[in-house]
Amino acid sequence: MQQFDRLTTLIDRFKLTVAPAKQSETNLIVFAAADGTPERAVFCPRQTGSIPLEGPVLFFARVDWSGPDNPFLTALPETVDFDLSHDRDGVGLTQMMLSELTAHRCGAGSVLSRLGEVLIVRMMRAQIETGSTQPGLLAGLSDQRLSRAIVAMHDRPGHAWRNEDLAVLAGMSLSRFAETFLAEVGEPPAKYLRRWRLNLARQDIIKGHRVDAVARRYGFSSPEGFTRAFKKHFDETPMSLRNGRSV
């Protein structure tokens, strides 16, 4: 059976960096056990400097994952608490991060960011496995059936997806798929797809891509229709964003 990767596109499309930080600027803290080994990693996706110091701290870091533009980041709980006490690989990973932080070797910042990305991916895998009681992307990706449809939309945002196509991917009847998607994700598939397309389009516009090319890339019938949808969603036009000014 084909495997659907629920994280790779989110990581590829939304830049993830991890860097050392002061306590007041941190949103990722790794705590130590009594013997000094890594015990917990705590991540606050939407706030900095708000993690209580509940034990010895190995290091503070700041994770930047494209902020509110990243739908997965905004779907996470306020605090993600990751138990390292029985995770040998996680302990080794955080010890390597600590080594890079303290040894001051050449390229330490780049190595730390890459190791931090691996840690965040491991934390996000655990979140998907745990699921969510609140409607949103995390709940949708945690559902084995819905996740196939969501990943398909993530991977091929310009495709003319119909609910019928997505229901087939999910292995569900059309009515059951629509009902379950709304209940778990909190909005209909078409609305989620449009928001995903617009978020990706915004990234491309910021990079200086042409409006007509972006409109075609993400399945809009015309640049004018794309501009109207973009203005409604972001309260500015693609051209004003591209030119670095607000309307």
C-alpha atoms as a PDB file:
ATOM      1  CA  MET A   1       0.000   0.000   0.000  1.00  0.00           C
ATOM      2  CA  GLN A   2       1.234   3.484  -0.833  1.00  0.00           C
ATOM      3  CA  GLN A   3       2.490   5.411   2.183  1.00  0.00           C
ATOM      4  CA  PHE A   4       1.267   8.969   2.722  1.00  0.00           C
ATOM      5  CA  ASP A   5       3.848  11.197   4.386  1.00  0.00           C
ATOM      6  CA  ARG A   6       1.971  13.631   6.607  1.00  0.00           C
ATOM      7  CA  LEU A   7       4.896  15.930   7.451  1.00  0.00           C
ATOM      8  CA  THR A   8       7.356  16.206   4.553  1.00  0.00           C
ATOM      9  CA  THR A   9       5.401  18.725   2.469  1.00  0.00           C
ATOM     10  CA  LEU A  10       4.764  20.883   5.537  1.00  0.00           C
ATOM     11  CA  ILE A  11       8.489  20.894   6.299  1.00  0.00           C
ATOM     12  CA  ASP A  12       9.462  21.525   2.685  1.00  0.00           C
ATOM     13  CA  ARG A  13       6.999  24.401   2.176  1.00  0.00           C
ATOM     14  CA  PHE A  14       7.421  26.133   5.553  1.00  0.00           C
ATOM     15  CA  LYS A  15      11.007  26.876   6.534  1.00  0.00           C
ATOM     16  CA  LEU A  16      11.961  25.413   9.904  1.00  0.00           C
ATOM     17  CA  THR A  17      14.944  26.782  11.830  1.00  0.00           C
ATOM     18  CA  VAL A  18      16.168  26.217  15.377  1.00  0.00           C
ATOM     19  CA  ALA A  19      18.636  28.562  17.055  1.00  0.00           C
ATOM     20  CA  PRO A  20      19.992  29.221  20.566  1.00  0.00           C
ATOM     21  CA  ALA A  21      17.889  31.689  22.548  1.00  0.00           C
ATOM     22  CA  LYS A  22      17.680  33.584  25.813  1.00  0.00           C
ATOM     23  CA  GLN A  23      15.056  32.453  28.298  1.00  0.00           C
ATOM     24  CA  SER A  24      12.864  35.457  27.440  1.00  0.00           C
ATOM     25  CA  GLU A  25      12.934  34.529  23.734  1.00  0.00           C
ATOM     26  CA  THR A  26      12.724  30.750  23.959  1.00  0.00           C
ATOM     27  CA  ASN A  27       9.852  28.571  22.772  1.00  0.00           C
ATOM     28  CA  LEU A  28      11.758  25.276  23.111  1.00  0.00           C
ATOM     29  CA  ILE A  29      13.371  24.092  26.357  1.00  0.00           C
ATOM     30  CA  VAL A  30      15.091  20.786  27.017  1.00  0.00           C
ATOM     31  CA  PHE A  31      15.001  19.813  30.689  1.00  0.00           C
ATOM     32  CA  ALA A  32      17.389  17.420  32.454  1.00  0.00           C
ATOM     33  CA  ALA A  33      16.753  14.594  34.879  1.00  0.00           C
ATOM     34  CA  ALA A  34      18.491  14.472  38.257  1.00  0.00           C
ATOM     35  CA  ASP A  35      21.485  12.691  36.695  1.00  0.00           C
ATOM     36  CA  GLY A  36      21.866  15.380  34.027  1.00  0.00           C
ATOM     37  CA  THR A  37      20.538  13.379  31.073  1.00  0.00           C
ATOM     38  CA  PRO A  38      17.832  14.900  28.844  1.00  0.00           C
ATOM     39  CA  GLU A  39      14.367  14.141  30.230  1.00  0.00           C
ATOM     40  CA  ARG A  40      11.773  16.404  28.516  1.00  0.00           C
ATOM     41  CA  ALA A  41      11.535  18.746  25.564  1.00  0.00           C
ATOM     42  CA  VAL A  42       8.812  21.389  25.847  1.00  0.00           C
ATOM     43  CA  PHE A  43       7.738  23.449  22.820  1.00  0.00           C
ATOM     44  CA  CYS A  44       5.323  26.399  22.820  1.00  0.00           C
ATOM     45  CA  PRO A  45       4.391  26.949  19.152  1.00  0.00           C
ATOM     46  CA  ARG A  46       2.811  30.396  19.494  1.00  0.00           C
ATOM     47  CA  GLN A  47       4.462  32.090  22.476  1.00  0.00           C
ATOM     48  CA  THR A  48       8.004  32.828  23.605  1.00  0.00           C
ATOM     49  CA  GLY A  49       9.343  33.047  27.128  1.00  0.00           C
ATOM     50  CA  SER A  50       6.245  31.410  28.612  1.00  0.00           C
ATOM     51  CA  ILE A  51       7.495  27.907  29.507  1.00  0.00           C
ATOM     52  CA  PRO A  52       7.685  27.367  33.295  1.00  0.00           C
ATOM     53  CA  LEU A  53      11.108  26.230  34.514  1.00  0.00           C
ATOM     54  CA  GLU A  54      10.113  22.911  36.074  1.00  0.00           C
ATOM     55  CA  GLY A  55      13.516  21.387  36.653  1.00  0.00           C
ATOM     56  CA  PRO A  56      17.143  21.772  35.546  1.00  0.00           C
ATOM     57  CA  VAL A  57      17.481  23.250  32.048  1.00  0.00           C
ATOM     58  CA  LEU A  58      19.950  21.834  29.529  1.00  0.00           C
ATOM     59  CA  PHE A  59      19.366  24.552  26.944  1.00  0.00           C
ATOM     60  CA  PHE A  60      16.987  27.153  25.558  1.00  0.00           C
ATOM     61  CA  ALA A  61      16.230  27.430  21.840  1.00  0.00           C
ATOM     62  CA  ARG A  62      13.878  29.252  19.527  1.00  0.00           C
ATOM     63  CA  VAL A  63      11.973  27.452  16.766  1.00  0.00           C
ATOM     64  CA  ASP A  64      10.797  29.440  13.751  1.00  0.00           C
ATOM     65  CA  TRP A  65       8.427  27.502  11.489  1.00  0.00           C
ATOM     66  CA  SER A  66       6.829  30.277   9.423  1.00  0.00           C
ATOM     67  CA  GLY A  67       4.455  31.325  12.214  1.00  0.00           C
ATOM     68  CA  PRO A  68       0.751  31.742  11.391  1.00  0.00           C
ATOM     69  CA  ASP A  69       1.356  30.933   7.706  1.00  0.00           C
ATOM     70  CA  ASN A  70       1.944  27.303   8.725  1.00  0.00           C
ATOM     71  CA  PRO A  71      -1.447  25.620   9.257  1.00  0.00           C
ATOM     72  CA  PHE A  72       0.090  22.720  11.166  1.00  0.00           C
ATOM     73  CA  LEU A  73       1.842  25.024  13.636  1.00  0.00           C
ATOM     74  CA  THR A  74      -1.370  26.881  14.401  1.00  0.00           C
ATOM     75  CA  ALA A  75      -3.210  23.568  14.909  1.00  0.00           C
ATOM     76  CA  LEU A  76      -0.878  22.407  17.681  1.00  0.00           C
ATOM     77  CA  PRO A  77      -1.821  22.696  21.360  1.00  0.00           C
ATOM     78  CA  GLU A  78      -0.475  25.634  23.363  1.00  0.00           C
ATOM     79  CA  THR A  79       2.279  23.422  24.806  1.00  0.00           C
ATOM     80  CA  VAL A  80       3.846  20.287  23.328  1.00  0.00           C
ATOM     81  CA  ASP A  81       5.528  18.212  26.046  1.00  0.00           C
ATOM     82  CA  PHE A  82       7.781  15.432  24.718  1.00  0.00           C
ATOM     83  CA  ASP A  83       9.002  12.715  27.095  1.00  0.00           C
ATOM     84  CA  LEU A  84      12.633  11.779  26.439  1.00  0.00           C
ATOM     85  CA  SER A  85      13.108   9.535  29.462  1.00  0.00           C
ATOM     86  CA  HIS A  86      12.484   6.305  27.504  1.00  0.00           C
ATOM     87  CA  ASP A  87      13.618   7.581  24.091  1.00  0.00           C
ATOM     88  CA  ARG A  88      17.265   6.622  23.575  1.00  0.00           C
ATOM     89  CA  ASP A  89      17.432   8.251  20.143  1.00  0.00           C
ATOM     90  CA  GLY A  90      15.836  11.443  21.458  1.00  0.00           C
ATOM     91  CA  VAL A  91      18.319  11.579  24.333  1.00  0.00           C
ATOM     92  CA  GLY A  92      21.226  11.159  21.925  1.00  0.00           C
ATOM     93  CA  LEU A  93      19.819  13.832  19.638  1.00  0.00           C
ATOM     94  CA  THR A  94      19.411  16.425  22.391  1.00  0.00           C
ATOM     95  CA  GLN A  95      22.864  15.613  23.767  1.00  0.00           C
ATOM     96  CA  MET A  96      24.311  16.319  20.319  1.00  0.00           C
ATOM     97  CA  MET A  97      22.407  19.623  20.259  1.00  0.00           C
ATOM     98  CA  LEU A  98      23.851  20.525  23.661  1.00  0.00           C
ATOM     99  CA  SER A  99      27.339  19.642  22.431  1.00  0.00           C
ATOM    100  CA  GLU A 100      26.969  21.973  19.439  1.00  0.00           C
ATOM    101  CA  LEU A 101      25.702  24.738  21.710  1.00  0.00           C
ATOM    102  CA  THR A 102      28.598  24.516  24.133  1.00  0.00           C
ATOM    103  CA  ALA A 103      31.596  23.539  21.988  1.00  0.00           C
ATOM    104  CA  HIS A 104      31.483  26.607  19.685  1.00  0.00           C
ATOM    105  CA  ARG A 105      32.777  24.673  16.682  1.00  0.00           C
ATOM    106  CA  CYS A 106      32.683  25.875  13.091  1.00  0.00           C
ATOM    107  CA  GLY A 107      29.229  25.545  11.543  1.00  0.00           C
ATOM    108  CA  ALA A 108      27.592  24.941  14.930  1.00  0.00           C
ATOM    109  CA  GLY A 109      24.572  27.105  14.103  1.00  0.00           C
ATOM    110  CA  SER A 110      23.803  25.161  10.948  1.00  0.00           C
ATOM    111  CA  VAL A 111      24.278  21.785  12.645  1.00  0.00           C
ATOM    112  CA  LEU A 112      22.120  22.842  15.586  1.00  0.00           C
ATOM    113  CA  SER A 113      19.296  23.898  13.275  1.00  0.00           C
ATOM    114  CA  ARG A 114      19.362  20.571  11.439  1.00  0.00           C
ATOM    115  CA  LEU A 115      19.427  18.567  14.656  1.00  0.00           C
ATOM    116  CA  GLY A 116      16.629  20.754  15.992  1.00  0.00           C
ATOM    117  CA  GLU A 117      14.586  20.047  12.879  1.00  0.00           C
ATOM    118  CA  VAL A 118      14.908  16.318  13.553  1.00  0.00           C
ATOM    119  CA  LEU A 119      13.792  16.846  17.162  1.00  0.00           C
ATOM    120  CA  ILE A 120      10.755  18.874  16.068  1.00  0.00           C
ATOM    121  CA  VAL A 121       9.816  16.237  13.480  1.00  0.00           C
ATOM    122  CA  ARG A 122       9.958  13.554  16.174  1.00  0.00           C
ATOM    123  CA  MET A 123       7.787  15.716  18.427  1.00  0.00           C
ATOM    124  CA  MET A 124       5.281  16.301  15.623  1.00  0.00           C
ATOM    125  CA  ARG A 125       5.096  12.578  14.818  1.00  0.00           C
ATOM    126  CA  ALA A 126       4.155  11.983  18.445  1.00  0.00           C
ATOM    127  CA  GLN A 127       1.480  14.684  18.219  1.00  0.00           C
ATOM    128  CA  ILE A 128      -0.053  13.076  15.126  1.00  0.00           C
ATOM    129  CA  GLU A 129      -0.048   9.697  16.830  1.00  0.00           C
ATOM    130  CA  THR A 130      -1.709  11.200  19.918  1.00  0.00           C
ATOM    131  CA  GLY A 131      -4.276  13.140  17.889  1.00  0.00           C
ATOM    132  CA  SER A 132      -6.416  16.007  19.075  1.00  0.00           C
ATOM    133  CA  THR A 133      -9.820  16.432  20.645  1.00  0.00           C
ATOM    134  CA  GLN A 134     -10.197  19.809  18.920  1.00  0.00           C
ATOM    135  CA  PRO A 135     -11.145  20.164  15.227  1.00  0.00           C
ATOM    136  CA  GLY A 136      -8.232  21.199  13.037  1.00  0.00           C
ATOM    137  CA  LEU A 137      -5.407  20.001  10.834  1.00  0.00           C
ATOM    138  CA  LEU A 138      -3.792  17.963  13.606  1.00  0.00           C
ATOM    139  CA  ALA A 139      -7.018  15.999  14.134  1.00  0.00           C
ATOM    140  CA  GLY A 140      -7.363  15.489  10.379  1.00  0.00           C
ATOM    141  CA  LEU A 141      -3.807  14.213   9.954  1.00  0.00           C
ATOM    142  CA  SER A 142      -4.286  11.897  12.930  1.00  0.00           C
ATOM    143  CA  ASP A 143      -7.150  10.161  11.120  1.00  0.00           C
ATOM    144  CA  GLN A 144      -5.679   7.452   8.887  1.00  0.00           C
ATOM    145  CA  ARG A 145      -8.439   7.893   6.298  1.00  0.00           C
ATOM    146  CA  LEU A 146      -8.662  11.673   6.170  1.00  0.00           C
ATOM    147  CA  SER A 147      -4.888  12.043   6.194  1.00  0.00           C
ATOM    148  CA  ARG A 148      -4.684  10.441   2.737  1.00  0.00           C
ATOM    149  CA  ALA A 149      -6.948  13.132   1.310  1.00  0.00           C
ATOM    150  CA  ILE A 150      -5.203  15.961   3.181  1.00  0.00           C
ATOM    151  CA  VAL A 151      -1.741  14.827   2.076  1.00  0.00           C
ATOM    152  CA  ALA A 152      -2.967  14.611  -1.523  1.00  0.00           C
ATOM    153  CA  MET A 153      -4.156  18.227  -1.337  1.00  0.00           C
ATOM    154  CA  HIS A 154      -0.865  19.272   0.260  1.00  0.00           C
ATOM    155  CA  ASP A 155       1.228  17.498  -2.354  1.00  0.00           C
ATOM    156  CA  ARG A 156      -0.815  18.569  -5.418  1.00  0.00           C
ATOM    157  CA  PRO A 157      -2.436  21.900  -4.520  1.00  0.00           C
ATOM    158  CA  GLY A 158      -3.021  22.879  -8.148  1.00  0.00           C
ATOM    159  CA  HIS A 159      -5.017  19.764  -8.980  1.00  0.00           C
ATOM    160  CA  ALA A 160      -8.765  20.176  -9.537  1.00  0.00           C
ATOM    161  CA  TRP A 161      -9.709  18.119  -6.500  1.00  0.00           C
ATOM    162  CA  ARG A 162     -13.336  17.098  -6.136  1.00  0.00           C
ATOM    163  CA  ASN A 163     -14.846  15.686  -2.980  1.00  0.00           C
ATOM    164  CA  GLU A 164     -15.507  12.497  -4.933  1.00  0.00           C
ATOM    165  CA  ASP A 165     -11.785  12.093  -5.672  1.00  0.00           C
ATOM    166  CA  LEU A 166     -10.782  12.781  -2.085  1.00  0.00           C
ATOM    167  CA  ALA A 167     -13.403  10.389  -0.735  1.00  0.00           C
ATOM    168  CA  VAL A 168     -11.964   7.617  -2.916  1.00  0.00           C
ATOM    169  CA  LEU A 169      -8.471   8.306  -1.546  1.00  0.00           C
ATOM    170  CA  ALA A 170      -9.850   8.184   1.985  1.00  0.00           C
ATOM    171  CA  GLY A 171     -11.681   4.946   1.263  1.00  0.00           C
ATOM    172  CA  MET A 172     -15.002   6.420   2.362  1.00  0.00           C
ATOM    173  CA  SER A 173     -18.374   7.158   0.856  1.00  0.00           C
ATOM    174  CA  LEU A 174     -18.821  10.725  -0.353  1.00  0.00           C
ATOM    175  CA  SER A 175     -21.333  11.641   2.340  1.00  0.00           C
ATOM    176  CA  ARG A 176     -19.292  10.019   5.106  1.00  0.00           C
ATOM    177  CA  PHE A 177     -16.100  11.703   3.913  1.00  0.00           C
ATOM    178  CA  ALA A 178     -17.670  15.173   3.804  1.00  0.00           C
ATOM    179  CA  GLU A 179     -19.251  14.699   7.230  1.00  0.00           C
ATOM    180  CA  THR A 180     -16.079  13.357   8.856  1.00  0.00           C
ATOM    181  CA  PHE A 181     -13.806  15.965   7.281  1.00  0.00           C
ATOM    182  CA  LEU A 182     -16.002  18.790   8.557  1.00  0.00           C
ATOM    183  CA  ALA A 183     -16.159  17.273  12.049  1.00  0.00           C
ATOM    184  CA  GLU A 184     -12.412  16.575  12.330  1.00  0.00           C
ATOM    185  CA  VAL A 185     -10.837  19.467  10.415  1.00  0.00           C
ATOM    186  CA  GLY A 186     -13.493  22.037  11.231  1.00  0.00           C
ATOM    187  CA  GLU A 187     -14.235  23.147   7.668  1.00  0.00           C
ATOM    188  CA  PRO A 188     -15.254  21.535   4.352  1.00  0.00           C
ATOM    189  CA  PRO A 189     -12.526  20.088   2.107  1.00  0.00           C
ATOM    190  CA  ALA A 190     -12.952  22.805  -0.544  1.00  0.00           C
ATOM    191  CA  LYS A 191     -12.494  25.571   2.019  1.00  0.00           C
ATOM    192  CA  TYR A 192      -9.422  23.899   3.487  1.00  0.00           C
ATOM    193  CA  LEU A 193      -7.941  23.416   0.006  1.00  0.00           C
ATOM    194  CA  ARG A 194      -8.502  27.066  -0.904  1.00  0.00           C
ATOM    195  CA  ARG A 195      -6.829  28.264   2.297  1.00  0.00           C
ATOM    196  CA  TRP A 196      -3.889  25.922   1.689  1.00  0.00           C
ATOM    197  CA  ARG A 197      -3.535  27.190  -1.876  1.00  0.00           C
ATOM    198  CA  LEU A 198      -3.657  30.818  -0.760  1.00  0.00           C
ATOM    199  CA  ASN A 199      -1.014  30.272   1.925  1.00  0.00           C
ATOM    200  CA  LEU A 200       1.310  28.692  -0.629  1.00  0.00           C
ATOM    201  CA  ALA A 201       0.509  31.426  -3.140  1.00  0.00           C
ATOM    202  CA  ARG A 202       1.394  34.078  -0.582  1.00  0.00           C
ATOM    203  CA  GLN A 203       4.838  32.531  -0.146  1.00  0.00           C
ATOM    204  CA  ASP A 204       5.411  32.563  -3.889  1.00  0.00           C
ATOM    205  CA  ILE A 205       4.224  36.151  -4.264  1.00  0.00           C
ATOM    206  CA  ILE A 206       6.625  37.263  -1.507  1.00  0.00           C
ATOM    207  CA  LYS A 207       9.415  35.582  -3.490  1.00  0.00           C
ATOM    208  CA  GLY A 208       8.488  37.773  -6.474  1.00  0.00           C
ATOM    209  CA  HIS A 209       6.665  35.240  -8.663  1.00  0.00           C
ATOM    210  CA  ARG A 210       4.270  36.631 -11.258  1.00  0.00           C
ATOM    211  CA  VAL A 211       0.630  36.835 -10.235  1.00  0.00           C
ATOM    212  CA  ASP A 212      -0.661  35.077 -13.354  1.00  0.00           C
ATOM    213  CA  ALA A 213       1.840  32.220 -12.917  1.00  0.00           C
ATOM    214  CA  VAL A 214       0.896  31.777  -9.255  1.00  0.00           C
ATOM    215  CA  ALA A 215      -2.801  31.807 -10.125  1.00  0.00           C
ATOM    216  CA  ARG A 216      -2.304  28.989 -12.656  1.00  0.00           C
ATOM    217  CA  ARG A 217      -0.036  27.051 -10.310  1.00  0.00           C
ATOM    218  CA  TYR A 218      -2.714  26.831  -7.636  1.00  0.00           C
ATOM    219  CA  GLY A 219      -5.723  26.080  -9.765  1.00  0.00           C
ATOM    220  CA  PHE A 220      -7.398  29.491 -10.044  1.00  0.00           C
ATOM    221  CA  SER A 221      -9.307  30.053 -13.260  1.00  0.00           C
ATOM    222  CA  SER A 222      -7.909  33.553 -13.827  1.00  0.00           C
ATOM    223  CA  PRO A 223      -5.509  36.090 -12.264  1.00  0.00           C
ATOM    224  CA  GLU A 224      -8.526  38.274 -11.505  1.00  0.00           C
ATOM    225  CA  GLY A 225     -10.282  35.504  -9.592  1.00  0.00           C
ATOM    226  CA  PHE A 226      -7.063  34.734  -7.735  1.00  0.00           C
ATOM    227  CA  THR A 227      -6.606  38.404  -6.820  1.00  0.00           C
ATOM    228  CA  ARG A 228     -10.159  38.630  -5.453  1.00  0.00           C
ATOM    229  CA  ALA A 229      -9.702  35.497  -3.344  1.00  0.00           C
ATOM    230  CA  PHE A 230      -6.296  36.680  -2.118  1.00  0.00           C
ATOM    231  CA  LYS A 231      -7.648  40.123  -1.178  1.00  0.00           C
ATOM    232  CA  LYS A 232     -10.562  38.594   0.697  1.00  0.00           C
ATOM    233  CA  HIS A 233      -8.308  36.222   2.638  1.00  0.00           C
ATOM    234  CA  PHE A 234      -5.309  38.469   3.406  1.00  0.00           C
ATOM    235  CA  ASP A 235      -6.881  41.940   3.122  1.00  0.00           C
ATOM    236  CA  GLU A 236      -4.314  43.004   0.538  1.00  0.00           C
ATOM    237  CA  THR A 237      -3.766  42.292  -3.127  1.00  0.00           C
ATOM    238  CA  PRO A 238      -0.984  40.057  -4.473  1.00  0.00           C
ATOM    239  CA  MET A 239       0.602  43.034  -6.241  1.00  0.00           C
ATOM    240  CA  SER A 240       0.670  45.167  -3.097  1.00  0.00           C
ATOM    241  CA  LEU A 241       2.348  42.313  -1.230  1.00  0.00           C
ATOM    242  CA  ARG A 242       4.781  41.700  -4.072  1.00  0.00           C
ATOM    243  CA  ASN A 243       5.670  45.393  -4.135  1.00  0.00           C
ATOM    244  CA  GLY A 244       6.157  45.442  -0.382  1.00  0.00           C
ATOM    245  CA  ARG A 245       3.282  47.723   0.526  1.00  0.00           C
ATOM    246  CA  SER A 246      -0.209  47.311   1.963  1.00  0.00           C
ATOM    247  CA  VAL A 247      -3.378  48.651   0.423  1.00  0.00           C
END
